[in-house]
Amino acid sequence: MDLLDRYLQAVKFWLPKEQKQDIIAELSEDLREQVEDREAKLGRKLNESEVAEILKHRGRPVVVANQFRSQQHLIGPVLFPIYLFVRCGSSQLGRDRGAAAHSRGRKGGSKDNCR
């Protein structure tokens, strides 16, 4: 897997489930066009550091993915995807505890509405 594909996978991880495929297809096309344009300009294939420069200019994967989310203001836009990731992990723990409590006749658990 090359650097561009790894970058796209990292962005995809942070995207909303319903939009992942469409957004990645659009982003992939745009980035590949940028690489092809630069290669045509230079008359050769780009090396890894030149591709990395294009990706750095685009931004960190979590920040790029966040541009495609609806605006959330409770937590800042840079940290919101990380908050969701942590919350999903916590929800899983809550469900596990809830299932255990339920089997012992107690109420517990949490509603999972992550991604």
N, C-alpha and C. Protein backbone atom coordinates (compact mmCIF):
# COMPACT_ATOMS: atom_id res chain seq x y z
N MET A 1 0.86 -1.18 0.00
CA MET A 1 0.00 0.00 0.00
C MET A 1 0.91 1.24 0.00
N ASP A 2 0.63 2.14 -0.91
CA ASP A 2 1.47 3.33 -0.98
C ASP A 2 0.99 4.42 -0.02
N LEU A 3 1.76 5.48 0.05
CA LEU A 3 1.50 6.56 1.00
C LEU A 3 0.11 7.18 0.80
N LEU A 4 -0.28 7.39 -0.44
CA LEU A 4 -1.58 7.98 -0.74
C LEU A 4 -2.72 7.08 -0.25
N ASP A 5 -2.60 5.79 -0.48
CA ASP A 5 -3.64 4.85 0.00
C ASP A 5 -3.72 4.82 1.52
N ARG A 6 -2.57 4.86 2.19
CA ARG A 6 -2.58 4.89 3.66
C ARG A 6 -3.23 6.17 4.18
N TYR A 7 -2.97 7.28 3.51
CA TYR A 7 -3.58 8.55 3.89
C TYR A 7 -5.10 8.47 3.75
N LEU A 8 -5.56 7.93 2.62
CA LEU A 8 -7.00 7.81 2.39
C LEU A 8 -7.65 6.89 3.42
N GLN A 9 -6.97 5.82 3.80
CA GLN A 9 -7.50 4.92 4.84
C GLN A 9 -7.61 5.64 6.18
N ALA A 10 -6.62 6.48 6.47
CA ALA A 10 -6.64 7.23 7.73
C ALA A 10 -7.81 8.23 7.74
N VAL A 11 -8.04 8.90 6.62
CA VAL A 11 -9.18 9.83 6.54
C VAL A 11 -10.48 9.06 6.67
N LYS A 12 -10.57 7.95 5.97
CA LYS A 12 -11.80 7.13 5.97
C LYS A 12 -12.19 6.69 7.37
N PHE A 13 -11.20 6.38 8.20
CA PHE A 13 -11.47 5.95 9.58
C PHE A 13 -12.31 6.97 10.33
N TRP A 14 -12.08 8.26 10.10
CA TRP A 14 -12.74 9.32 10.86
C TRP A 14 -14.03 9.82 10.21
N LEU A 15 -14.38 9.32 9.05
CA LEU A 15 -15.58 9.82 8.35
C LEU A 15 -16.86 9.20 8.88
N PRO A 16 -17.98 9.91 8.73
CA PRO A 16 -19.28 9.34 9.08
C PRO A 16 -19.56 8.11 8.21
N LYS A 17 -20.07 7.08 8.82
CA LYS A 17 -20.29 5.79 8.16
C LYS A 17 -21.06 5.91 6.85
N GLU A 18 -22.12 6.70 6.86
CA GLU A 18 -23.00 6.81 5.70
C GLU A 18 -22.33 7.45 4.49
N GLN A 19 -21.28 8.21 4.71
CA GLN A 19 -20.68 8.99 3.62
C GLN A 19 -19.28 8.52 3.24
N LYS A 20 -18.75 7.53 3.91
CA LYS A 20 -17.35 7.14 3.72
C LYS A 20 -16.99 6.91 2.26
N GLN A 21 -17.73 6.05 1.57
CA GLN A 21 -17.35 5.67 0.21
C GLN A 21 -17.37 6.86 -0.75
N ASP A 22 -18.41 7.67 -0.68
CA ASP A 22 -18.52 8.82 -1.59
C ASP A 22 -17.40 9.83 -1.35
N ILE A 23 -17.15 10.12 -0.09
CA ILE A 23 -16.14 11.12 0.24
C ILE A 23 -14.75 10.63 -0.14
N ILE A 24 -14.45 9.37 0.15
CA ILE A 24 -13.13 8.83 -0.18
C ILE A 24 -12.94 8.79 -1.69
N ALA A 25 -13.97 8.45 -2.44
CA ALA A 25 -13.85 8.43 -3.90
C ALA A 25 -13.53 9.83 -4.42
N GLU A 26 -14.23 10.83 -3.90
CA GLU A 26 -14.00 12.22 -4.32
C GLU A 26 -12.60 12.69 -3.91
N LEU A 27 -12.22 12.44 -2.68
CA LEU A 27 -10.92 12.86 -2.19
C LEU A 27 -9.79 12.14 -2.93
N SER A 28 -9.96 10.85 -3.17
CA SER A 28 -8.95 10.07 -3.90
C SER A 28 -8.75 10.63 -5.30
N GLU A 29 -9.83 10.92 -5.98
CA GLU A 29 -9.74 11.47 -7.34
C GLU A 29 -9.01 12.81 -7.33
N ASP A 30 -9.35 13.66 -6.38
CA ASP A 30 -8.72 14.98 -6.29
C ASP A 30 -7.22 14.85 -6.02
N LEU A 31 -6.84 14.02 -5.06
CA LEU A 31 -5.43 13.86 -4.72
C LEU A 31 -4.64 13.23 -5.87
N ARG A 32 -5.23 12.24 -6.51
CA ARG A 32 -4.54 11.58 -7.63
C ARG A 32 -4.37 12.55 -8.80
N GLU A 33 -5.33 13.42 -9.03
CA GLU A 33 -5.19 14.45 -10.06
C GLU A 33 -4.05 15.40 -9.72
N GLN A 34 -3.93 15.77 -8.44
CA GLN A 34 -2.83 16.64 -8.02
C GLN A 34 -1.48 15.97 -8.27
N VAL A 35 -1.38 14.68 -7.97
CA VAL A 35 -0.14 13.94 -8.20
C VAL A 35 0.16 13.89 -9.70
N GLU A 36 -0.85 13.55 -10.50
CA GLU A 36 -0.66 13.47 -11.94
C GLU A 36 -0.25 14.82 -12.54
N ASP A 37 -0.87 15.89 -12.07
CA ASP A 37 -0.52 17.23 -12.56
C ASP A 37 0.94 17.56 -12.24
N ARG A 38 1.35 17.26 -11.03
CA ARG A 38 2.74 17.54 -10.64
C ARG A 38 3.71 16.67 -11.43
N GLU A 39 3.33 15.40 -11.65
CA GLU A 39 4.18 14.51 -12.45
C GLU A 39 4.31 15.01 -13.88
N ALA A 40 3.20 15.48 -14.45
CA ALA A 40 3.24 16.00 -15.82
C ALA A 40 4.13 17.25 -15.90
N LYS A 41 4.03 18.07 -14.89
CA LYS A 41 4.83 19.30 -14.83
C LYS A 41 6.33 18.97 -14.75
N LEU A 42 6.67 17.96 -13.93
CA LEU A 42 8.07 17.58 -13.75
C LEU A 42 8.58 16.61 -14.82
N GLY A 43 7.65 15.94 -15.49
CA GLY A 43 8.05 14.97 -16.51
C GLY A 43 8.57 13.66 -15.95
N ARG A 44 8.19 13.34 -14.73
CA ARG A 44 8.62 12.09 -14.08
C ARG A 44 7.64 11.74 -12.96
N LYS A 45 7.79 10.51 -12.46
CA LYS A 45 6.99 10.08 -11.30
C LYS A 45 7.46 10.82 -10.06
N LEU A 46 6.53 11.11 -9.16
CA LEU A 46 6.90 11.74 -7.90
C LEU A 46 7.49 10.71 -6.96
N ASN A 47 8.44 11.13 -6.15
CA ASN A 47 8.96 10.23 -5.12
C ASN A 47 8.07 10.36 -3.88
N GLU A 48 8.33 9.54 -2.89
CA GLU A 48 7.47 9.49 -1.70
C GLU A 48 7.44 10.83 -0.95
N SER A 49 8.57 11.50 -0.87
CA SER A 49 8.58 12.77 -0.13
C SER A 49 7.78 13.85 -0.87
N GLU A 50 7.73 13.79 -2.18
CA GLU A 50 6.93 14.75 -2.94
C GLU A 50 5.44 14.47 -2.78
N VAL A 51 5.07 13.20 -2.73
CA VAL A 51 3.67 12.84 -2.46
C VAL A 51 3.31 13.26 -1.04
N ALA A 52 4.24 13.04 -0.10
CA ALA A 52 4.00 13.44 1.30
C ALA A 52 3.77 14.94 1.40
N GLU A 53 4.47 15.71 0.60
CA GLU A 53 4.28 17.17 0.60
C GLU A 53 2.86 17.54 0.18
N ILE A 54 2.33 16.86 -0.83
CA ILE A 54 0.95 17.11 -1.28
C ILE A 54 -0.03 16.77 -0.15
N LEU A 55 0.22 15.65 0.52
CA LEU A 55 -0.68 15.22 1.60
C LEU A 55 -0.59 16.15 2.81
N LYS A 56 0.60 16.61 3.13
CA LYS A 56 0.75 17.56 4.23
C LYS A 56 0.01 18.85 3.93
N HIS A 57 0.06 19.27 2.68
CA HIS A 57 -0.66 20.48 2.29
C HIS A 57 -2.17 20.30 2.46
N ARG A 58 -2.67 19.10 2.20
CA ARG A 58 -4.11 18.80 2.35
C ARG A 58 -4.50 18.87 3.82
N GLY A 59 -3.65 18.34 4.70
CA GLY A 59 -3.93 18.40 6.13
C GLY A 59 -3.94 17.03 6.78
N ARG A 60 -3.96 17.04 8.11
CA ARG A 60 -4.01 15.78 8.86
C ARG A 60 -5.32 15.06 8.57
N PRO A 61 -5.27 13.72 8.50
CA PRO A 61 -6.48 12.95 8.16
C PRO A 61 -7.69 13.27 9.03
N VAL A 62 -7.51 13.41 10.35
CA VAL A 62 -8.64 13.68 11.23
C VAL A 62 -9.25 15.05 10.92
N VAL A 63 -8.41 16.01 10.57
CA VAL A 63 -8.90 17.36 10.25
C VAL A 63 -9.61 17.36 8.90
N VAL A 64 -9.05 16.65 7.93
CA VAL A 64 -9.67 16.56 6.61
C VAL A 64 -11.05 15.90 6.74
N ALA A 65 -11.11 14.80 7.47
CA ALA A 65 -12.40 14.10 7.66
C ALA A 65 -13.41 14.99 8.36
N ASN A 66 -12.94 15.77 9.30
CA ASN A 66 -13.84 16.64 10.06
C ASN A 66 -14.50 17.71 9.17
N GLN A 67 -13.87 18.05 8.08
CA GLN A 67 -14.46 19.03 7.15
C GLN A 67 -15.74 18.51 6.52
N PHE A 68 -15.92 17.20 6.52
CA PHE A 68 -17.09 16.59 5.90
C PHE A 68 -18.20 16.27 6.90
N ARG A 69 -17.99 16.55 8.16
CA ARG A 69 -19.00 16.32 9.19
C ARG A 69 -19.86 17.57 9.35
N SER A 70 -21.08 17.38 9.83
CA SER A 70 -21.90 18.53 10.17
C SER A 70 -21.23 19.22 11.37
N GLN A 71 -21.43 20.48 11.50
CA GLN A 71 -20.75 21.24 12.55
C GLN A 71 -21.24 20.82 13.93
N GLN A 72 -20.29 20.53 14.80
CA GLN A 72 -20.56 20.16 16.19
C GLN A 72 -19.80 21.16 17.05
N HIS A 73 -20.46 21.83 17.97
CA HIS A 73 -19.81 22.90 18.70
C HIS A 73 -19.60 22.64 20.19
N LEU A 74 -20.12 21.57 20.71
CA LEU A 74 -19.92 21.28 22.12
C LEU A 74 -18.42 21.07 22.42
N ILE A 75 -17.78 20.37 21.49
CA ILE A 75 -16.34 20.13 21.57
C ILE A 75 -15.76 20.66 20.28
N GLY A 76 -14.58 21.24 20.33
CA GLY A 76 -13.97 21.86 19.16
C GLY A 76 -13.90 20.93 17.96
N PRO A 77 -13.87 21.50 16.76
CA PRO A 77 -13.91 20.70 15.53
C PRO A 77 -12.72 19.77 15.35
N VAL A 78 -11.57 20.10 15.88
CA VAL A 78 -10.42 19.23 15.74
C VAL A 78 -10.53 18.02 16.65
N LEU A 79 -11.07 18.19 17.84
CA LEU A 79 -11.15 17.10 18.81
C LEU A 79 -12.44 16.29 18.73
N PHE A 80 -13.45 16.78 18.03
CA PHE A 80 -14.74 16.09 18.04
C PHE A 80 -14.66 14.64 17.52
N PRO A 81 -13.95 14.37 16.41
CA PRO A 81 -13.86 12.97 15.97
C PRO A 81 -13.18 12.07 16.99
N ILE A 82 -12.21 12.59 17.70
CA ILE A 82 -11.54 11.80 18.74
C ILE A 82 -12.50 11.54 19.89
N TYR A 83 -13.30 12.55 20.24
CA TYR A 83 -14.32 12.38 21.27
C TYR A 83 -15.29 11.25 20.90
N LEU A 84 -15.74 11.25 19.63
CA LEU A 84 -16.65 10.19 19.19
C LEU A 84 -15.99 8.82 19.29
N PHE A 85 -14.73 8.75 18.91
CA PHE A 85 -14.01 7.48 18.96
C PHE A 85 -13.94 6.96 20.40
N VAL A 86 -13.59 7.83 21.33
CA VAL A 86 -13.50 7.44 22.74
C VAL A 86 -14.88 7.07 23.27
N ARG A 87 -15.87 7.85 22.90
CA ARG A 87 -17.23 7.59 23.36
C ARG A 87 -17.74 6.25 22.85
N CYS A 88 -17.41 5.90 21.63
CA CYS A 88 -17.84 4.60 21.10
C CYS A 88 -17.22 3.47 21.91
N GLY A 89 -15.97 3.61 22.27
CA GLY A 89 -15.33 2.60 23.12
C GLY A 89 -16.01 2.51 24.47
N SER A 90 -16.37 3.66 25.03
CA SER A 90 -17.06 3.69 26.32
C SER A 90 -18.44 3.06 26.20
N SER A 91 -19.10 3.30 25.07
CA SER A 91 -20.43 2.71 24.87
C SER A 91 -20.35 1.20 24.84
N GLN A 92 -19.30 0.69 24.20
CA GLN A 92 -19.12 -0.76 24.14
C GLN A 92 -18.94 -1.32 25.55
N LEU A 93 -18.14 -0.66 26.36
CA LEU A 93 -17.95 -1.10 27.74
C LEU A 93 -19.28 -1.05 28.50
N GLY A 94 -20.05 0.01 28.28
CA GLY A 94 -21.33 0.14 28.95
C GLY A 94 -22.30 -0.96 28.56
N ARG A 95 -22.30 -1.32 27.28
CA ARG A 95 -23.18 -2.41 26.83
C ARG A 95 -22.76 -3.72 27.49
N ASP A 96 -21.45 -3.95 27.57
CA ASP A 96 -20.97 -5.18 28.19
C ASP A 96 -21.37 -5.23 29.65
N ARG A 97 -21.20 -4.11 30.37
CA ARG A 97 -21.60 -4.05 31.77
C ARG A 97 -23.11 -4.18 31.90
N GLY A 98 -23.84 -3.55 30.97
CA GLY A 98 -25.29 -3.62 31.01
C GLY A 98 -25.79 -5.03 30.80
N ALA A 99 -25.16 -5.76 29.90
CA ALA A 99 -25.56 -7.15 29.67
C ALA A 99 -25.29 -7.99 30.91
N ALA A 100 -24.15 -7.73 31.55
CA ALA A 100 -23.83 -8.47 32.78
C ALA A 100 -24.81 -8.13 33.89
N ALA A 101 -25.15 -6.84 34.02
CA ALA A 101 -26.09 -6.42 35.06
C ALA A 101 -27.47 -7.01 34.78
N HIS A 102 -27.86 -7.02 33.53
CA HIS A 102 -29.16 -7.55 33.14
C HIS A 102 -29.24 -9.04 33.47
N SER A 103 -28.14 -9.76 33.24
CA SER A 103 -28.16 -11.19 33.54
C SER A 103 -28.25 -11.45 35.04
N ARG A 104 -27.86 -10.44 35.85
CA ARG A 104 -27.97 -10.57 37.30
C ARG A 104 -29.26 -9.93 37.81
N GLY A 105 -30.14 -9.49 36.90
CA GLY A 105 -31.41 -8.93 37.31
C GLY A 105 -31.40 -7.45 37.59
N ARG A 106 -30.32 -6.73 37.20
CA ARG A 106 -30.23 -5.28 37.41
C ARG A 106 -30.32 -4.56 36.07
N LYS A 107 -30.71 -3.30 36.17
CA LYS A 107 -30.72 -2.46 34.97
C LYS A 107 -29.35 -1.85 34.80
N GLY A 108 -28.95 -1.62 33.55
CA GLY A 108 -27.65 -1.01 33.30
C GLY A 108 -27.42 -0.89 31.81
N GLY A 109 -26.23 -0.42 31.45
CA GLY A 109 -25.87 -0.31 30.04
C GLY A 109 -26.08 1.08 29.52
N SER A 110 -25.80 1.26 28.27
CA SER A 110 -25.94 2.56 27.64
C SER A 110 -26.41 2.40 26.22
N LYS A 111 -27.06 3.41 25.74
CA LYS A 111 -27.54 3.39 24.36
C LYS A 111 -26.38 3.73 23.43
N ASP A 112 -26.18 2.95 22.40
CA ASP A 112 -25.06 3.17 21.48
C ASP A 112 -25.57 3.87 20.23
N ASN A 113 -25.14 5.10 20.04
CA ASN A 113 -25.49 5.82 18.82
C ASN A 113 -24.24 6.36 18.15
N CYS A 114 -23.15 5.62 18.26
CA CYS A 114 -21.89 6.02 17.65
C CYS A 114 -21.92 5.69 16.17
N ARG A 115 -21.30 6.57 15.41
CA ARG A 115 -21.12 6.44 13.97
C ARG A 115 -22.24 5.72 13.33
